[in-house]
Structures are given as structure tokens and as C-alpha cells.
Amino acid sequence: MTIVPDDKDWTWVLSERCPECGFDASVVPFAHVPRLLRENAAAWPALLRSTDAAVRRDASTWSTLEYAAHVRDVCRVMSERLALILAEDAPVFANWDQDATAVAERYHEQDPATVAVELVVAAEEAASAFGAVGPEQLDRVGTRSNGSVFTVETLGIYFLHDPIHHLADVTAHRSTVE
């Protein structure tokens, strides 16, 4: 079963409420990013203990395990991007193809218990890194390979949407089948 690649440019979530998960960047202060990342990460281990965590509900939707592995890797990538913005003046981020990563890393075959631990660790590292940002660093910029420019502040809030959105993907589905 293959997943249709996500080719949307999700940067619009910085200026509009996400109709799928309800995330509204306009009401999320940057200072809340670390706490919200930690809270989100805390929800994943229980979901990954489910006997059906590795089962896709249909051919075009990731399983809970695949979503969790993706969230783990998003935390790692965004931590790297934050470090780059803080270390360099106006860096350009390397392209990250999330779909290619899912295939290459065989998300669907990973151990749910291991992914649960790794996700919590990666989210904690990201939360700590974003929590250590000083107010004088919030306006530092970096550019994604597609030309989207982020400040430290917008990167943190943009990043936060991803784990929140995917937790909503997984929990919305679970509530409809239970």
C-alpha cells in the first residue's frame, strides 16, 4: 500500500486556522511551544501500545505508527533547523522529503515501543531547544528550500502544527471506530 505524497505547502497555517485539526497560530504564543510539544508527545506512547498501531485504516492513510515516526522525525528536523538559524545568518535549510523518508526508513516496519520512546525524546529535545531561545533571537531567519522564509518564532509555531495535526488525525480516527 502506498501513500499519496503530501505536496501541500502548509505555511498557510501561520495565517489561517487549520480546518482539519483546529490549530490556530494566531492564538499560540511562541512561549507556549515547548509545553505544547511536551503535552503532544505525552499522548503518543499510549496510542502506540494499541494492538492496531501499525495497521492502516485504508490504502491512502498512514497508520498510527507511521504518523508517530513522522512526528519523531519532524521534531528532529525542526531541532536541526532551529540550531542552524541560531548558528548562522539567514541559512537555507536542506530539503527534507517526508514521504521519501517514510519509505527509506520503513516507518511501517518500525517497533511501536521504540518509536514511542524516540518520539518523546525528540520532542523533549525540540521543546528544550525552543524553550532556550531568547527574545533577542526570535527574529533570526532561515529559508526553506522552496523559498519560504521563517523567523525562529514562526518556525516554532509552524512546527507545532505538525504534531498537533497528526495527533488529531490519529485520535479522530480512533474515536470513530471505538
C-alpha atoms as a PDB file:
ATOM      1  CA  MET A   1       0.000   0.000   0.000  1.00  0.00           C
ATOM      2  CA  THR A   2       1.408   3.350  -0.969  1.00  0.00           C
ATOM      3  CA  ILE A   3       0.570   6.759   0.381  1.00  0.00           C
ATOM      4  CA  VAL A   4      -0.130   9.653  -1.947  1.00  0.00           C
ATOM      5  CA  PRO A   5       2.680  12.166  -1.324  1.00  0.00           C
ATOM      6  CA  ASP A   6       1.701  15.326   0.521  1.00  0.00           C
ATOM      7  CA  ASP A   7       2.754  18.157  -1.767  1.00  0.00           C
ATOM      8  CA  LYS A   8       0.863  20.947   0.020  1.00  0.00           C
ATOM      9  CA  ASP A   9       2.734  23.993   1.249  1.00  0.00           C
ATOM     10  CA  TRP A  10       1.458  24.068   4.823  1.00  0.00           C
ATOM     11  CA  THR A  11       2.919  27.508   5.623  1.00  0.00           C
ATOM     12  CA  TRP A  12      -0.613  28.925   5.301  1.00  0.00           C
ATOM     13  CA  VAL A  13      -1.273  27.615   8.825  1.00  0.00           C
ATOM     14  CA  LEU A  14       0.679  30.615  10.101  1.00  0.00           C
ATOM     15  CA  SER A  15      -2.049  32.939   8.873  1.00  0.00           C
ATOM     16  CA  GLU A  16      -5.185  30.767   8.802  1.00  0.00           C
ATOM     17  CA  ARG A  17      -6.864  28.325  11.178  1.00  0.00           C
ATOM     18  CA  CYS A  18      -6.410  24.723  10.045  1.00  0.00           C
ATOM     19  CA  PRO A  19      -9.897  23.397   9.283  1.00  0.00           C
ATOM     20  CA  GLU A  20      -8.753  19.785   9.705  1.00  0.00           C
ATOM     21  CA  CYS A  21      -7.277  19.956  13.216  1.00  0.00           C
ATOM     22  CA  GLY A  22      -8.384  23.353  14.508  1.00  0.00           C
ATOM     23  CA  PHE A  23      -4.849  24.694  15.025  1.00  0.00           C
ATOM     24  CA  ASP A  24      -4.874  28.491  15.086  1.00  0.00           C
ATOM     25  CA  ALA A  25      -1.402  30.044  15.057  1.00  0.00           C
ATOM     26  CA  SER A  26      -2.815  33.464  15.916  1.00  0.00           C
ATOM     27  CA  VAL A  27      -3.608  32.310  19.451  1.00  0.00           C
ATOM     28  CA  VAL A  28      -0.404  30.390  20.161  1.00  0.00           C
ATOM     29  CA  PRO A  29       2.315  32.462  21.810  1.00  0.00           C
ATOM     30  CA  PHE A  30       5.823  31.269  20.984  1.00  0.00           C
ATOM     31  CA  ALA A  31       6.484  30.815  24.713  1.00  0.00           C
ATOM     32  CA  HIS A  32       3.865  28.016  24.763  1.00  0.00           C
ATOM     33  CA  VAL A  33       5.571  25.957  22.045  1.00  0.00           C
ATOM     34  CA  PRO A  34       7.747  23.893  24.450  1.00  0.00           C
ATOM     35  CA  ARG A  35       4.855  22.993  26.772  1.00  0.00           C
ATOM     36  CA  LEU A  36       2.532  22.132  23.897  1.00  0.00           C
ATOM     37  CA  LEU A  37       5.192  19.938  22.250  1.00  0.00           C
ATOM     38  CA  ARG A  38       5.689  18.052  25.510  1.00  0.00           C
ATOM     39  CA  GLU A  39       1.952  17.605  26.028  1.00  0.00           C
ATOM     40  CA  ASN A  40       1.548  16.325  22.487  1.00  0.00           C
ATOM     41  CA  ALA A  41       4.444  13.885  22.842  1.00  0.00           C
ATOM     42  CA  ALA A  42       2.977  12.522  26.063  1.00  0.00           C
ATOM     43  CA  ALA A  43      -0.136  11.357  24.189  1.00  0.00           C
ATOM     44  CA  TRP A  44       1.661   9.180  21.636  1.00  0.00           C
ATOM     45  CA  PRO A  45       3.003   6.269  23.766  1.00  0.00           C
ATOM     46  CA  ALA A  46      -0.495   5.108  24.770  1.00  0.00           C
ATOM     47  CA  LEU A  47      -1.620   5.224  21.148  1.00  0.00           C
ATOM     48  CA  LEU A  48       1.419   3.208  20.097  1.00  0.00           C
ATOM     49  CA  ARG A  49       0.617   0.498  22.674  1.00  0.00           C
ATOM     50  CA  SER A  50      -2.605  -0.265  20.797  1.00  0.00           C
ATOM     51  CA  THR A  51      -2.613  -3.646  19.075  1.00  0.00           C
ATOM     52  CA  ASP A  52      -3.601  -1.959  15.813  1.00  0.00           C
ATOM     53  CA  ALA A  53      -0.978   0.827  15.915  1.00  0.00           C
ATOM     54  CA  ALA A  54       0.720  -0.495  12.778  1.00  0.00           C
ATOM     55  CA  VAL A  55      -2.499  -1.067  10.827  1.00  0.00           C
ATOM     56  CA  ARG A  56      -3.526   1.382   8.130  1.00  0.00           C
ATOM     57  CA  ARG A  57      -7.241   2.141   8.092  1.00  0.00           C
ATOM     58  CA  ASP A  58      -7.111   2.448   4.290  1.00  0.00           C
ATOM     59  CA  ALA A  59      -4.572   2.380   1.481  1.00  0.00           C
ATOM     60  CA  SER A  60      -4.018   6.131   1.427  1.00  0.00           C
ATOM     61  CA  THR A  61      -3.662   6.878   5.154  1.00  0.00           C
ATOM     62  CA  TRP A  62      -0.707   6.260   7.424  1.00  0.00           C
ATOM     63  CA  SER A  63      -1.083   4.062  10.480  1.00  0.00           C
ATOM     64  CA  THR A  64      -0.635   5.459  13.983  1.00  0.00           C
ATOM     65  CA  LEU A  65       2.892   4.019  13.928  1.00  0.00           C
ATOM     66  CA  GLU A  66       3.741   5.797  10.682  1.00  0.00           C
ATOM     67  CA  TYR A  67       2.326   9.100  11.916  1.00  0.00           C
ATOM     68  CA  ALA A  68       4.309   8.757  15.136  1.00  0.00           C
ATOM     69  CA  ALA A  69       7.553   8.001  13.296  1.00  0.00           C
ATOM     70  CA  HIS A  70       6.912  11.049  11.136  1.00  0.00           C
ATOM     71  CA  VAL A  71       6.269  13.261  14.181  1.00  0.00           C
ATOM     72  CA  ARG A  72       9.501  11.974  15.738  1.00  0.00           C
ATOM     73  CA  ASP A  73      11.411  12.883  12.597  1.00  0.00           C
ATOM     74  CA  VAL A  74       9.724  16.288  12.304  1.00  0.00           C
ATOM     75  CA  CYS A  75      10.918  17.026  15.836  1.00  0.00           C
ATOM     76  CA  ARG A  76      14.453  16.083  14.825  1.00  0.00           C
ATOM     77  CA  VAL A  77      14.392  18.105  11.605  1.00  0.00           C
ATOM     78  CA  MET A  78      12.969  21.195  13.273  1.00  0.00           C
ATOM     79  CA  SER A  79      15.527  20.967  16.081  1.00  0.00           C
ATOM     80  CA  GLU A  80      18.246  20.906  13.424  1.00  0.00           C
ATOM     81  CA  ARG A  81      16.696  23.861  11.628  1.00  0.00           C
ATOM     82  CA  LEU A  82      16.447  25.856  14.829  1.00  0.00           C
ATOM     83  CA  ALA A  83      20.109  25.150  15.617  1.00  0.00           C
ATOM     84  CA  LEU A  84      21.044  26.263  12.109  1.00  0.00           C
ATOM     85  CA  ILE A  85      19.103  29.536  12.373  1.00  0.00           C
ATOM     86  CA  LEU A  86      20.738  30.275  15.712  1.00  0.00           C
ATOM     87  CA  ALA A  87      24.246  29.430  14.487  1.00  0.00           C
ATOM     88  CA  GLU A  88      24.226  31.015  11.024  1.00  0.00           C
ATOM     89  CA  ASP A  89      22.950  34.201   9.470  1.00  0.00           C
ATOM     90  CA  ALA A  90      19.981  33.532   7.176  1.00  0.00           C
ATOM     91  CA  PRO A  91      20.697  29.855   6.410  1.00  0.00           C
ATOM     92  CA  VAL A  92      18.893  27.894   3.716  1.00  0.00           C
ATOM     93  CA  PHE A  93      17.550  24.605   5.040  1.00  0.00           C
ATOM     94  CA  ALA A  94      18.299  21.412   3.174  1.00  0.00           C
ATOM     95  CA  ASN A  95      15.258  19.915   1.509  1.00  0.00           C
ATOM     96  CA  TRP A  96      13.537  17.214   3.565  1.00  0.00           C
ATOM     97  CA  ASP A  97      11.209  14.903   1.696  1.00  0.00           C
ATOM     98  CA  GLN A  98       8.976  13.458   4.378  1.00  0.00           C
ATOM     99  CA  ASP A  99       7.469  10.885   2.054  1.00  0.00           C
ATOM    100  CA  ALA A 100      10.844   9.614   0.862  1.00  0.00           C
ATOM    101  CA  THR A 101      11.958   9.419   4.487  1.00  0.00           C
ATOM    102  CA  ALA A 102       8.904   7.351   5.422  1.00  0.00           C
ATOM    103  CA  VAL A 103       9.731   4.843   2.689  1.00  0.00           C
ATOM    104  CA  ALA A 104      13.506   4.802   3.215  1.00  0.00           C
ATOM    105  CA  GLU A 105      13.186   4.444   6.981  1.00  0.00           C
ATOM    106  CA  ARG A 106      10.410   1.862   6.617  1.00  0.00           C
ATOM    107  CA  TYR A 107       8.135   3.593   9.093  1.00  0.00           C
ATOM    108  CA  HIS A 108       5.558   0.832   8.725  1.00  0.00           C
ATOM    109  CA  GLU A 109       8.028  -1.786   9.985  1.00  0.00           C
ATOM    110  CA  GLN A 110       9.417   0.071  12.995  1.00  0.00           C
ATOM    111  CA  ASP A 111       8.770  -1.109  16.530  1.00  0.00           C
ATOM    112  CA  PRO A 112       5.952   0.932  18.121  1.00  0.00           C
ATOM    113  CA  ALA A 113       7.537   0.846  21.594  1.00  0.00           C
ATOM    114  CA  THR A 114      10.831   2.105  20.225  1.00  0.00           C
ATOM    115  CA  VAL A 115       9.136   4.845  18.222  1.00  0.00           C
ATOM    116  CA  ALA A 116       7.211   5.910  21.337  1.00  0.00           C
ATOM    117  CA  VAL A 117      10.433   6.400  23.295  1.00  0.00           C
ATOM    118  CA  GLU A 118      12.218   8.088  20.395  1.00  0.00           C
ATOM    119  CA  LEU A 119       9.293  10.456  19.775  1.00  0.00           C
ATOM    120  CA  VAL A 120       9.191  11.554  23.417  1.00  0.00           C
ATOM    121  CA  VAL A 121      12.974  12.083  23.435  1.00  0.00           C
ATOM    122  CA  ALA A 122      12.951  14.013  20.133  1.00  0.00           C
ATOM    123  CA  ALA A 123      10.036  16.173  21.284  1.00  0.00           C
ATOM    124  CA  GLU A 124      11.786  16.906  24.579  1.00  0.00           C
ATOM    125  CA  GLU A 125      14.957  17.911  22.749  1.00  0.00           C
ATOM    126  CA  ALA A 126      12.943  20.184  20.459  1.00  0.00           C
ATOM    127  CA  ALA A 127      10.954  21.626  23.359  1.00  0.00           C
ATOM    128  CA  SER A 128      14.139  22.332  25.300  1.00  0.00           C
ATOM    129  CA  ALA A 129      15.797  23.940  22.279  1.00  0.00           C
ATOM    130  CA  PHE A 130      12.814  26.177  21.534  1.00  0.00           C
ATOM    131  CA  GLY A 131      12.453  26.922  25.242  1.00  0.00           C
ATOM    132  CA  ALA A 132      16.053  28.140  25.408  1.00  0.00           C
ATOM    133  CA  VAL A 133      15.528  30.758  22.691  1.00  0.00           C
ATOM    134  CA  GLY A 134      15.994  34.276  23.995  1.00  0.00           C
ATOM    135  CA  PRO A 135      13.713  37.142  22.966  1.00  0.00           C
ATOM    136  CA  GLU A 136      16.570  38.713  21.011  1.00  0.00           C
ATOM    137  CA  GLN A 137      16.734  35.574  18.828  1.00  0.00           C
ATOM    138  CA  LEU A 138      13.086  35.383  17.779  1.00  0.00           C
ATOM    139  CA  ASP A 139      13.580  37.408  14.606  1.00  0.00           C
ATOM    140  CA  ARG A 140      16.549  35.428  13.267  1.00  0.00           C
ATOM    141  CA  VAL A 141      15.635  33.957   9.882  1.00  0.00           C
ATOM    142  CA  GLY A 142      16.105  30.836   7.829  1.00  0.00           C
ATOM    143  CA  THR A 143      14.748  29.869   4.438  1.00  0.00           C
ATOM    144  CA  ARG A 144      13.264  26.543   3.419  1.00  0.00           C
ATOM    145  CA  SER A 145      14.464  25.078   0.130  1.00  0.00           C
ATOM    146  CA  ASN A 146      11.193  26.146  -1.535  1.00  0.00           C
ATOM    147  CA  GLY A 147      11.824  29.797  -0.612  1.00  0.00           C
ATOM    148  CA  SER A 148       9.561  30.058   2.441  1.00  0.00           C
ATOM    149  CA  VAL A 149      11.193  32.335   5.000  1.00  0.00           C
ATOM    150  CA  PHE A 150      10.792  31.647   8.717  1.00  0.00           C
ATOM    151  CA  THR A 151      11.821  33.522  11.796  1.00  0.00           C
ATOM    152  CA  VAL A 152      12.643  31.474  14.873  1.00  0.00           C
ATOM    153  CA  GLU A 153       9.212  32.417  16.174  1.00  0.00           C
ATOM    154  CA  THR A 154       7.284  31.396  13.051  1.00  0.00           C
ATOM    155  CA  LEU A 155       9.350  28.212  12.690  1.00  0.00           C
ATOM    156  CA  GLY A 156       8.369  27.144  16.196  1.00  0.00           C
ATOM    157  CA  ILE A 157       4.688  27.805  15.676  1.00  0.00           C
ATOM    158  CA  TYR A 158       4.681  26.267  12.185  1.00  0.00           C
ATOM    159  CA  PHE A 159       6.429  23.196  13.588  1.00  0.00           C
ATOM    160  CA  LEU A 160       3.937  22.871  16.444  1.00  0.00           C
ATOM    161  CA  HIS A 161       1.092  22.479  13.967  1.00  0.00           C
ATOM    162  CA  ASP A 162       2.529  19.238  12.576  1.00  0.00           C
ATOM    163  CA  PRO A 163       2.410  17.072  15.727  1.00  0.00           C
ATOM    164  CA  ILE A 164      -0.915  18.601  16.753  1.00  0.00           C
ATOM    165  CA  HIS A 165      -2.387  17.920  13.318  1.00  0.00           C
ATOM    166  CA  HIS A 166      -1.185  14.324  13.252  1.00  0.00           C
ATOM    167  CA  LEU A 167      -2.359  13.587  16.769  1.00  0.00           C
ATOM    168  CA  ALA A 168      -5.767  14.851  15.638  1.00  0.00           C
ATOM    169  CA  ASP A 169      -5.542  12.614  12.551  1.00  0.00           C
ATOM    170  CA  VAL A 170      -4.956   9.578  14.737  1.00  0.00           C
ATOM    171  CA  THR A 171      -7.340  10.351  17.582  1.00  0.00           C
ATOM    172  CA  ALA A 172     -10.189  11.437  15.296  1.00  0.00           C
ATOM    173  CA  HIS A 173      -9.939   8.116  13.516  1.00  0.00           C
ATOM    174  CA  ARG A 174      -9.790   6.168  16.794  1.00  0.00           C
ATOM    175  CA  SER A 175     -12.903   7.859  18.130  1.00  0.00           C
ATOM    176  CA  THR A 176     -14.850   6.923  15.005  1.00  0.00           C
ATOM    177  CA  VAL A 177     -14.004   3.210  15.284  1.00  0.00           C
ATOM    178  CA  GLU A 178     -14.322   2.727  19.035  1.00  0.00           C
END
